[in-house]
Amino acid sequence: MRRNKLIFSIIAPLILVFAVSGVVFGWGTTGGDASDYRQLQETAVFYNDAGTEIIYGQVVVMDRDAGTAGTTLGTRVDLTSTADNPEVMGVALSTDSSDGERVVVVTRGPAEVYCNDSNDAVNTGSLVGTTNVAGRAGGGIGLGRALEDGNGTDNELIMIWVDPYLDDYTQ
């Protein structure tokens, strides 16, 4: 009986804190009021294995050369200059992450991404993917859907909905 009281005295405050703060373990926030798109972002932390800095808004892909299944495979990200790379992990949320450091990545939800719009035009509602410019998105498949038009230039941030599997169920 005493043991149950001890467990309850430890768990009850935690439940109360999570209930009041709106913090949950899942997608988005339960206490969100729709005032900020970041309330909808699903994020994960990866290891920067690009050999260079990864910055906010760059598209990252899985680095399959960095480990083996059951160890580090899927935990390391890289930049790619392959158009429509199917190994997209998401868009970097960290402001800067040097090689060998952790990088926070939006794996699903709204995110700003650098767009290569002069060669790979993006329109509102169109599918987007990686381009032949490392870290940039453009018209294609594999990354998600554009939430706004590009302005026809490169190196601009546009808003997209990150969903690497979107093109699998929209065709």
N, C-alpha and C. Protein backbone atom coordinates (compact mmCIF):
# COMPACT_ATOMS: atom_id res chain seq x y z
N MET A 1 0.82 -1.18 0.00
CA MET A 1 0.00 0.00 0.00
C MET A 1 0.87 1.26 0.00
N ARG A 2 1.88 1.26 0.82
CA ARG A 2 2.78 2.40 0.92
C ARG A 2 3.51 2.63 -0.41
N ARG A 3 3.83 1.54 -1.08
CA ARG A 3 4.52 1.62 -2.37
C ARG A 3 3.63 2.28 -3.41
N ASN A 4 2.34 1.96 -3.43
CA ASN A 4 1.40 2.57 -4.37
C ASN A 4 1.28 4.07 -4.14
N LYS A 5 1.26 4.48 -2.87
CA LYS A 5 1.20 5.91 -2.56
C LYS A 5 2.44 6.64 -3.06
N LEU A 6 3.59 5.99 -2.93
CA LEU A 6 4.83 6.58 -3.40
C LEU A 6 4.80 6.77 -4.91
N ILE A 7 4.38 5.74 -5.62
CA ILE A 7 4.30 5.82 -7.09
C ILE A 7 3.32 6.91 -7.49
N PHE A 8 2.16 6.95 -6.85
CA PHE A 8 1.16 7.98 -7.16
C PHE A 8 1.69 9.38 -6.88
N SER A 9 2.43 9.53 -5.79
CA SER A 9 2.95 10.86 -5.44
C SER A 9 4.00 11.33 -6.44
N ILE A 10 4.61 10.42 -7.14
CA ILE A 10 5.59 10.79 -8.17
C ILE A 10 4.90 11.05 -9.50
N ILE A 11 3.97 10.21 -9.88
CA ILE A 11 3.32 10.30 -11.19
C ILE A 11 2.29 11.42 -11.26
N ALA A 12 1.52 11.64 -10.21
CA ALA A 12 0.45 12.64 -10.22
C ALA A 12 0.95 14.04 -10.58
N PRO A 13 2.05 14.53 -9.99
CA PRO A 13 2.52 15.87 -10.38
C PRO A 13 2.94 15.94 -11.85
N LEU A 14 3.52 14.88 -12.37
CA LEU A 14 3.92 14.88 -13.78
C LEU A 14 2.70 14.97 -14.69
N ILE A 15 1.67 14.20 -14.38
CA ILE A 15 0.44 14.25 -15.17
C ILE A 15 -0.16 15.65 -15.12
N LEU A 16 -0.16 16.26 -13.96
CA LEU A 16 -0.70 17.61 -13.80
C LEU A 16 0.10 18.62 -14.62
N VAL A 17 1.42 18.53 -14.59
CA VAL A 17 2.27 19.44 -15.36
C VAL A 17 1.98 19.32 -16.84
N PHE A 18 1.93 18.08 -17.36
CA PHE A 18 1.67 17.89 -18.78
C PHE A 18 0.26 18.34 -19.17
N ALA A 19 -0.71 18.14 -18.31
CA ALA A 19 -2.08 18.53 -18.60
C ALA A 19 -2.22 20.05 -18.68
N VAL A 20 -1.55 20.75 -17.80
CA VAL A 20 -1.64 22.21 -17.76
C VAL A 20 -0.81 22.86 -18.86
N SER A 21 0.36 22.31 -19.16
CA SER A 21 1.27 22.94 -20.12
C SER A 21 0.91 22.66 -21.56
N GLY A 22 0.10 21.63 -21.82
CA GLY A 22 -0.22 21.27 -23.20
C GLY A 22 0.86 20.46 -23.86
N VAL A 23 1.89 20.07 -23.13
CA VAL A 23 2.98 19.29 -23.69
C VAL A 23 2.55 17.83 -23.75
N VAL A 24 2.70 17.24 -24.92
CA VAL A 24 2.40 15.83 -25.09
C VAL A 24 3.52 15.21 -25.91
N PHE A 25 3.54 13.91 -25.93
CA PHE A 25 4.51 13.22 -26.77
C PHE A 25 3.77 12.80 -28.03
N GLY A 26 3.88 13.59 -29.06
CA GLY A 26 3.16 13.32 -30.29
C GLY A 26 3.33 14.47 -31.25
N TRP A 27 2.48 14.51 -32.24
CA TRP A 27 2.59 15.49 -33.30
C TRP A 27 1.88 16.77 -32.91
N GLY A 28 2.53 17.91 -33.06
CA GLY A 28 1.93 19.18 -32.74
C GLY A 28 1.77 19.38 -31.24
N THR A 29 0.99 20.36 -30.86
CA THR A 29 0.74 20.61 -29.44
C THR A 29 -0.75 20.62 -29.19
N THR A 30 -1.17 19.98 -28.12
CA THR A 30 -2.59 19.95 -27.80
C THR A 30 -3.08 21.30 -27.31
N GLY A 31 -2.19 22.11 -26.77
CA GLY A 31 -2.57 23.41 -26.25
C GLY A 31 -2.43 24.51 -27.29
N GLY A 32 -2.21 24.12 -28.55
CA GLY A 32 -2.03 25.10 -29.61
C GLY A 32 -3.29 25.92 -29.86
N ASP A 33 -3.09 27.18 -30.24
CA ASP A 33 -4.22 28.05 -30.52
C ASP A 33 -4.23 28.52 -31.98
N ALA A 34 -3.43 27.86 -32.83
CA ALA A 34 -3.35 28.16 -34.26
C ALA A 34 -2.77 29.54 -34.55
N SER A 35 -2.06 30.12 -33.59
CA SER A 35 -1.48 31.44 -33.80
C SER A 35 -0.10 31.38 -34.44
N ASP A 36 0.49 30.18 -34.53
CA ASP A 36 1.84 30.05 -35.04
C ASP A 36 1.98 28.70 -35.73
N TYR A 37 2.45 28.71 -36.97
CA TYR A 37 2.57 27.47 -37.74
C TYR A 37 3.52 26.47 -37.09
N ARG A 38 4.44 26.92 -36.27
CA ARG A 38 5.39 26.00 -35.64
C ARG A 38 4.72 25.03 -34.67
N GLN A 39 3.49 25.32 -34.27
CA GLN A 39 2.76 24.41 -33.40
C GLN A 39 2.44 23.09 -34.11
N LEU A 40 2.52 23.08 -35.43
CA LEU A 40 2.20 21.89 -36.22
C LEU A 40 3.42 21.10 -36.68
N GLN A 41 4.61 21.59 -36.38
CA GLN A 41 5.82 20.92 -36.86
C GLN A 41 6.15 19.67 -36.08
N GLU A 42 6.46 18.62 -36.81
CA GLU A 42 7.01 17.40 -36.22
C GLU A 42 8.51 17.46 -36.49
N THR A 43 9.31 17.34 -35.45
CA THR A 43 10.75 17.47 -35.61
C THR A 43 11.48 16.26 -35.06
N ALA A 44 12.72 16.11 -35.51
CA ALA A 44 13.59 15.05 -35.01
C ALA A 44 15.01 15.61 -35.01
N VAL A 45 15.86 15.04 -34.19
CA VAL A 45 17.25 15.46 -34.09
C VAL A 45 18.12 14.42 -34.79
N PHE A 46 18.96 14.89 -35.71
CA PHE A 46 19.87 14.03 -36.45
C PHE A 46 21.30 14.51 -36.24
N TYR A 47 22.24 13.77 -36.77
CA TYR A 47 23.66 14.09 -36.72
C TYR A 47 24.06 14.62 -38.09
N ASN A 48 24.69 15.79 -38.13
CA ASN A 48 25.14 16.39 -39.38
C ASN A 48 26.38 15.65 -39.87
N ASP A 49 26.24 14.94 -40.95
CA ASP A 49 27.35 14.20 -41.55
C ASP A 49 27.64 14.72 -42.96
N ALA A 50 27.32 15.99 -43.21
CA ALA A 50 27.44 16.57 -44.54
C ALA A 50 28.87 16.99 -44.89
N GLY A 51 29.74 17.10 -43.90
CA GLY A 51 31.08 17.59 -44.17
C GLY A 51 31.13 19.10 -44.25
N THR A 52 30.00 19.75 -44.04
CA THR A 52 29.89 21.20 -44.06
C THR A 52 28.74 21.61 -43.14
N GLU A 53 28.57 22.90 -42.96
CA GLU A 53 27.50 23.40 -42.12
C GLU A 53 26.14 23.19 -42.79
N ILE A 54 25.15 22.78 -42.03
CA ILE A 54 23.77 22.73 -42.49
C ILE A 54 23.05 23.88 -41.81
N ILE A 55 22.35 24.70 -42.61
CA ILE A 55 21.69 25.88 -42.06
C ILE A 55 20.17 25.78 -42.17
N TYR A 56 19.51 26.65 -41.44
CA TYR A 56 18.05 26.75 -41.45
C TYR A 56 17.53 26.82 -42.88
N GLY A 57 16.53 26.01 -43.18
CA GLY A 57 15.88 26.06 -44.48
C GLY A 57 16.47 25.16 -45.55
N GLN A 58 17.53 24.43 -45.24
CA GLN A 58 18.10 23.52 -46.23
C GLN A 58 17.42 22.15 -46.15
N VAL A 59 17.27 21.53 -47.32
CA VAL A 59 16.72 20.18 -47.40
C VAL A 59 17.83 19.19 -47.05
N VAL A 60 17.52 18.20 -46.20
CA VAL A 60 18.50 17.18 -45.83
C VAL A 60 17.99 15.80 -46.21
N VAL A 61 18.93 14.91 -46.50
CA VAL A 61 18.61 13.54 -46.87
C VAL A 61 19.33 12.57 -45.94
N MET A 62 18.85 11.34 -45.90
CA MET A 62 19.49 10.32 -45.09
C MET A 62 20.88 10.03 -45.65
N ASP A 63 21.85 9.91 -44.75
CA ASP A 63 23.20 9.54 -45.15
C ASP A 63 23.35 8.03 -44.94
N ARG A 64 23.14 7.27 -46.02
CA ARG A 64 23.19 5.81 -45.91
C ARG A 64 24.61 5.28 -45.79
N ASP A 65 25.60 6.08 -46.10
CA ASP A 65 26.99 5.62 -46.03
C ASP A 65 27.56 5.75 -44.61
N ALA A 66 26.77 6.28 -43.69
CA ALA A 66 27.30 6.61 -42.37
C ALA A 66 27.08 5.54 -41.32
N GLY A 67 26.61 4.39 -41.69
CA GLY A 67 26.39 3.36 -40.67
C GLY A 67 25.72 2.14 -41.25
N THR A 68 25.39 1.25 -40.39
CA THR A 68 24.71 0.04 -40.81
C THR A 68 23.40 -0.09 -40.05
N ALA A 69 22.50 -0.88 -40.60
CA ALA A 69 21.19 -1.08 -39.97
C ALA A 69 21.39 -1.54 -38.53
N GLY A 70 20.60 -0.99 -37.63
CA GLY A 70 20.69 -1.36 -36.22
C GLY A 70 21.70 -0.54 -35.44
N THR A 71 22.47 0.31 -36.12
CA THR A 71 23.43 1.16 -35.40
C THR A 71 23.10 2.62 -35.68
N THR A 72 23.78 3.23 -36.63
CA THR A 72 23.55 4.65 -36.87
C THR A 72 22.78 4.94 -38.15
N LEU A 73 22.37 3.92 -38.90
CA LEU A 73 21.63 4.15 -40.13
C LEU A 73 20.32 4.86 -39.83
N GLY A 74 20.08 5.97 -40.51
CA GLY A 74 18.87 6.75 -40.29
C GLY A 74 19.02 7.85 -39.26
N THR A 75 20.17 7.94 -38.62
CA THR A 75 20.36 8.99 -37.62
C THR A 75 21.25 10.12 -38.13
N ARG A 76 21.81 9.94 -39.31
CA ARG A 76 22.73 10.94 -39.87
C ARG A 76 22.14 11.52 -41.15
N VAL A 77 22.33 12.82 -41.34
CA VAL A 77 21.82 13.48 -42.53
C VAL A 77 22.94 14.15 -43.30
N ASP A 78 22.65 14.40 -44.57
CA ASP A 78 23.61 14.97 -45.51
C ASP A 78 22.85 15.91 -46.43
N LEU A 79 23.57 16.68 -47.22
CA LEU A 79 22.99 17.50 -48.28
C LEU A 79 23.13 16.72 -49.58
N THR A 80 22.27 16.99 -50.56
CA THR A 80 22.34 16.27 -51.82
C THR A 80 22.19 17.23 -52.99
N SER A 81 22.80 16.89 -54.10
CA SER A 81 22.61 17.65 -55.34
C SER A 81 21.98 16.73 -56.39
N THR A 82 21.21 15.75 -55.92
CA THR A 82 20.46 14.85 -56.78
C THR A 82 19.01 15.30 -56.79
N ALA A 83 18.48 15.59 -57.97
CA ALA A 83 17.09 16.03 -58.07
C ALA A 83 16.14 14.91 -57.66
N ASP A 84 15.10 15.27 -56.91
CA ASP A 84 14.06 14.34 -56.46
C ASP A 84 14.62 13.12 -55.74
N ASN A 85 15.59 13.35 -54.89
CA ASN A 85 16.21 12.28 -54.11
C ASN A 85 15.16 11.63 -53.21
N PRO A 86 14.98 10.31 -53.30
CA PRO A 86 13.94 9.65 -52.50
C PRO A 86 14.31 9.47 -51.02
N GLU A 87 15.50 9.87 -50.62
CA GLU A 87 15.94 9.68 -49.24
C GLU A 87 15.80 10.94 -48.40
N VAL A 88 14.87 11.82 -48.79
CA VAL A 88 14.63 13.07 -48.07
C VAL A 88 14.20 12.77 -46.64
N MET A 89 14.80 13.50 -45.70
CA MET A 89 14.42 13.39 -44.29
C MET A 89 13.59 14.60 -43.86
N GLY A 90 13.82 15.76 -44.48
CA GLY A 90 13.06 16.96 -44.13
C GLY A 90 13.86 18.22 -44.37
N VAL A 91 13.51 19.26 -43.59
CA VAL A 91 14.11 20.59 -43.75
C VAL A 91 14.75 21.00 -42.42
N ALA A 92 15.98 21.50 -42.48
CA ALA A 92 16.71 21.90 -41.28
C ALA A 92 16.01 23.06 -40.57
N LEU A 93 15.82 22.89 -39.27
CA LEU A 93 15.22 23.93 -38.43
C LEU A 93 16.30 24.65 -37.63
N SER A 94 17.41 23.98 -37.37
CA SER A 94 18.52 24.59 -36.64
C SER A 94 19.08 25.76 -37.44
N THR A 95 19.47 26.81 -36.76
CA THR A 95 20.00 27.98 -37.47
C THR A 95 21.36 27.70 -38.08
N ASP A 96 22.17 26.92 -37.45
CA ASP A 96 23.42 26.45 -38.05
C ASP A 96 23.89 25.23 -37.29
N SER A 97 24.42 24.29 -38.03
CA SER A 97 24.91 23.05 -37.44
C SER A 97 26.18 22.64 -38.17
N SER A 98 27.30 22.78 -37.52
CA SER A 98 28.57 22.40 -38.12
C SER A 98 28.62 20.90 -38.30
N ASP A 99 29.49 20.45 -39.19
CA ASP A 99 29.68 19.02 -39.41
C ASP A 99 30.00 18.35 -38.09
N GLY A 100 29.32 17.24 -37.82
CA GLY A 100 29.55 16.51 -36.58
C GLY A 100 28.68 16.94 -35.42
N GLU A 101 27.84 17.95 -35.62
CA GLU A 101 26.94 18.41 -34.56
C GLU A 101 25.52 17.96 -34.84
N ARG A 102 24.67 18.11 -33.85
CA ARG A 102 23.25 17.77 -34.02
C ARG A 102 22.55 18.85 -34.83
N VAL A 103 21.55 18.40 -35.59
CA VAL A 103 20.73 19.32 -36.38
C VAL A 103 19.26 18.92 -36.20
N VAL A 104 18.42 19.92 -35.87
CA VAL A 104 16.99 19.68 -35.72
C VAL A 104 16.36 19.81 -37.10
N VAL A 105 15.52 18.82 -37.45
CA VAL A 105 14.93 18.76 -38.79
C VAL A 105 13.41 18.66 -38.67
N VAL A 106 12.69 19.46 -39.48
CA VAL A 106 11.24 19.33 -39.59
C VAL A 106 11.00 18.13 -40.50
N THR A 107 10.39 17.08 -39.95
CA THR A 107 10.13 15.86 -40.72
C THR A 107 8.71 15.81 -41.25
N ARG A 108 7.85 16.68 -40.73
CA ARG A 108 6.49 16.79 -41.23
C ARG A 108 5.88 18.07 -40.71
N GLY A 109 5.11 18.73 -41.58
CA GLY A 109 4.44 19.96 -41.21
C GLY A 109 5.00 21.16 -41.96
N PRO A 110 4.55 22.35 -41.62
CA PRO A 110 4.97 23.56 -42.33
C PRO A 110 6.42 23.93 -41.99
N ALA A 111 7.14 24.36 -43.02
CA ALA A 111 8.54 24.77 -42.82
C ALA A 111 8.96 25.71 -43.94
N GLU A 112 9.88 26.59 -43.62
CA GLU A 112 10.49 27.44 -44.64
C GLU A 112 11.66 26.69 -45.24
N VAL A 113 11.78 26.74 -46.57
CA VAL A 113 12.83 26.03 -47.26
C VAL A 113 13.42 26.93 -48.34
N TYR A 114 14.73 26.81 -48.55
CA TYR A 114 15.37 27.54 -49.64
C TYR A 114 14.96 26.91 -50.95
N CYS A 115 14.51 27.76 -51.88
CA CYS A 115 13.96 27.29 -53.14
C CYS A 115 14.87 27.67 -54.31
N ASN A 116 15.08 26.75 -55.20
CA ASN A 116 15.83 26.96 -56.44
C ASN A 116 14.82 27.25 -57.54
N ASP A 117 14.13 28.39 -57.44
CA ASP A 117 12.95 28.65 -58.25
C ASP A 117 13.24 29.09 -59.68
N SER A 118 14.42 29.61 -59.97
CA SER A 118 14.68 30.08 -61.34
C SER A 118 14.79 28.91 -62.32
N ASN A 119 15.28 27.77 -61.89
CA ASN A 119 15.42 26.61 -62.77
C ASN A 119 14.39 25.53 -62.48
N ASP A 120 13.78 25.55 -61.34
CA ASP A 120 12.90 24.48 -60.88
C ASP A 120 11.66 25.10 -60.25
N ALA A 121 10.83 25.72 -61.08
CA ALA A 121 9.72 26.56 -60.63
C ALA A 121 8.78 25.86 -59.65
N VAL A 122 8.33 26.64 -58.66
CA VAL A 122 7.41 26.16 -57.64
C VAL A 122 6.19 27.07 -57.63
N ASN A 123 5.01 26.46 -57.65
CA ASN A 123 3.75 27.19 -57.56
C ASN A 123 2.96 26.68 -56.37
N THR A 124 2.08 27.51 -55.84
CA THR A 124 1.24 27.10 -54.71
C THR A 124 0.53 25.79 -55.06
N GLY A 125 0.65 24.81 -54.19
CA GLY A 125 -0.01 23.53 -54.38
C GLY A 125 0.79 22.49 -55.13
N SER A 126 1.90 22.91 -55.75
CA SER A 126 2.70 21.94 -56.51
C SER A 126 3.57 21.10 -55.58
N LEU A 127 3.90 19.90 -56.04
CA LEU A 127 4.80 19.03 -55.29
C LEU A 127 6.21 19.57 -55.39
N VAL A 128 7.01 19.39 -54.34
CA VAL A 128 8.40 19.84 -54.32
C VAL A 128 9.31 18.68 -53.92
N GLY A 129 10.54 18.78 -54.38
CA GLY A 129 11.55 17.79 -54.05
C GLY A 129 12.92 18.43 -53.99
N THR A 130 13.96 17.62 -53.93
CA THR A 130 15.32 18.14 -53.94
C THR A 130 15.69 18.57 -55.35
N THR A 131 16.72 19.38 -55.48
CA THR A 131 17.17 19.85 -56.79
C THR A 131 18.64 19.49 -56.97
N ASN A 132 19.20 19.92 -58.10
CA ASN A 132 20.62 19.67 -58.34
C ASN A 132 21.51 20.69 -57.63
N VAL A 133 20.93 21.55 -56.81
CA VAL A 133 21.68 22.48 -55.97
C VAL A 133 21.54 21.99 -54.54
N ALA A 134 22.65 21.64 -53.92
CA ALA A 134 22.63 21.04 -52.57
C ALA A 134 21.86 21.88 -51.57
N GLY A 135 20.93 21.23 -50.86
CA GLY A 135 20.17 21.88 -49.81
C GLY A 135 18.95 22.65 -50.27
N ARG A 136 18.70 22.70 -51.56
CA ARG A 136 17.58 23.48 -52.09
C ARG A 136 16.43 22.60 -52.54
N ALA A 137 15.23 23.16 -52.45
CA ALA A 137 14.02 22.51 -52.96
C ALA A 137 13.63 23.14 -54.28
N GLY A 138 12.81 22.44 -55.03
CA GLY A 138 12.28 22.94 -56.29
C GLY A 138 11.13 22.06 -56.72
N GLY A 139 10.54 22.38 -57.86
CA GLY A 139 9.45 21.55 -58.37
C GLY A 139 9.93 20.12 -58.55
N GLY A 140 9.13 19.17 -58.13
CA GLY A 140 9.52 17.77 -58.23
C GLY A 140 8.73 16.94 -57.25
N ILE A 141 9.34 15.85 -56.77
CA ILE A 141 8.66 14.98 -55.82
C ILE A 141 9.59 14.60 -54.68
N GLY A 142 8.99 14.14 -53.59
CA GLY A 142 9.77 13.57 -52.51
C GLY A 142 9.87 14.38 -51.23
N LEU A 143 9.57 15.68 -51.28
CA LEU A 143 9.73 16.50 -50.08
C LEU A 143 8.39 16.94 -49.49
N GLY A 144 7.45 17.33 -50.34
CA GLY A 144 6.17 17.80 -49.83
C GLY A 144 5.42 18.62 -50.85
N ARG A 145 4.67 19.63 -50.37
CA ARG A 145 3.85 20.47 -51.23
C ARG A 145 4.07 21.93 -50.90
N ALA A 146 4.17 22.77 -51.95
CA ALA A 146 4.38 24.20 -51.78
C ALA A 146 3.12 24.87 -51.25
N LEU A 147 3.27 25.72 -50.25
CA LEU A 147 2.15 26.47 -49.70
C LEU A 147 2.09 27.90 -50.25
N GLU A 148 3.10 28.26 -51.05
CA GLU A 148 3.11 29.56 -51.70
C GLU A 148 3.97 29.48 -52.96
N ASP A 149 3.81 30.46 -53.83
CA ASP A 149 4.60 30.53 -55.06
C ASP A 149 6.01 30.98 -54.76
N GLY A 150 6.95 30.49 -55.56
CA GLY A 150 8.29 31.06 -55.55
C GLY A 150 8.25 32.35 -56.36
N ASN A 151 9.24 33.21 -56.19
CA ASN A 151 9.23 34.48 -56.93
C ASN A 151 10.11 34.44 -58.17
N GLY A 152 10.59 33.25 -58.55
CA GLY A 152 11.38 33.10 -59.76
C GLY A 152 12.87 33.26 -59.56
N THR A 153 13.29 33.53 -58.33
CA THR A 153 14.71 33.67 -58.06
C THR A 153 15.20 32.49 -57.22
N ASP A 154 16.48 32.43 -57.02
CA ASP A 154 17.05 31.40 -56.16
C ASP A 154 17.37 31.99 -54.80
N ASN A 155 17.62 31.13 -53.85
CA ASN A 155 18.00 31.53 -52.50
C ASN A 155 16.92 32.32 -51.77
N GLU A 156 15.65 32.04 -52.10
CA GLU A 156 14.55 32.65 -51.35
C GLU A 156 13.93 31.58 -50.47
N LEU A 157 13.41 31.99 -49.32
CA LEU A 157 12.70 31.07 -48.44
C LEU A 157 11.22 31.08 -48.79
N ILE A 158 10.66 29.89 -49.04
CA ILE A 158 9.23 29.78 -49.25
C ILE A 158 8.67 28.78 -48.25
N MET A 159 7.39 28.85 -48.01
CA MET A 159 6.73 27.95 -47.07
C MET A 159 6.23 26.72 -47.82
N ILE A 160 6.56 25.55 -47.27
CA ILE A 160 6.06 24.29 -47.82
C ILE A 160 5.46 23.46 -46.69
N TRP A 161 4.73 22.43 -47.06
CA TRP A 161 4.27 21.42 -46.10
C TRP A 161 5.17 20.22 -46.31
N VAL A 162 6.03 19.94 -45.34
CA VAL A 162 6.96 18.81 -45.44
C VAL A 162 6.19 17.52 -45.21
N ASP A 163 6.26 16.63 -46.18
CA ASP A 163 5.67 15.30 -46.07
C ASP A 163 6.35 14.43 -47.13
N PRO A 164 7.47 13.78 -46.77
CA PRO A 164 8.22 13.01 -47.74
C PRO A 164 7.43 11.92 -48.46
N TYR A 165 6.30 11.50 -47.92
CA TYR A 165 5.52 10.44 -48.56
C TYR A 165 4.32 10.97 -49.32
N LEU A 166 4.18 12.29 -49.40
CA LEU A 166 3.00 12.90 -50.02
C LEU A 166 2.77 12.41 -51.43
N ASP A 167 3.80 12.33 -52.25
CA ASP A 167 3.61 11.93 -53.64
C ASP A 167 3.22 10.45 -53.76
N ASP A 168 3.44 9.65 -52.72
CA ASP A 168 3.03 8.24 -52.74
C ASP A 168 1.52 8.08 -52.75
N TYR A 169 0.80 9.01 -52.11
CA TYR A 169 -0.64 8.86 -52.06
C TYR A 169 -1.41 9.95 -52.78
N THR A 170 -0.72 10.73 -53.62
CA THR A 170 -1.44 11.74 -54.41
C THR A 170 -1.41 11.41 -55.90
N GLN A 171 -0.78 10.34 -56.27
CA GLN A 171 -0.71 9.99 -57.70
C GLN A 171 -1.87 9.14 -58.11
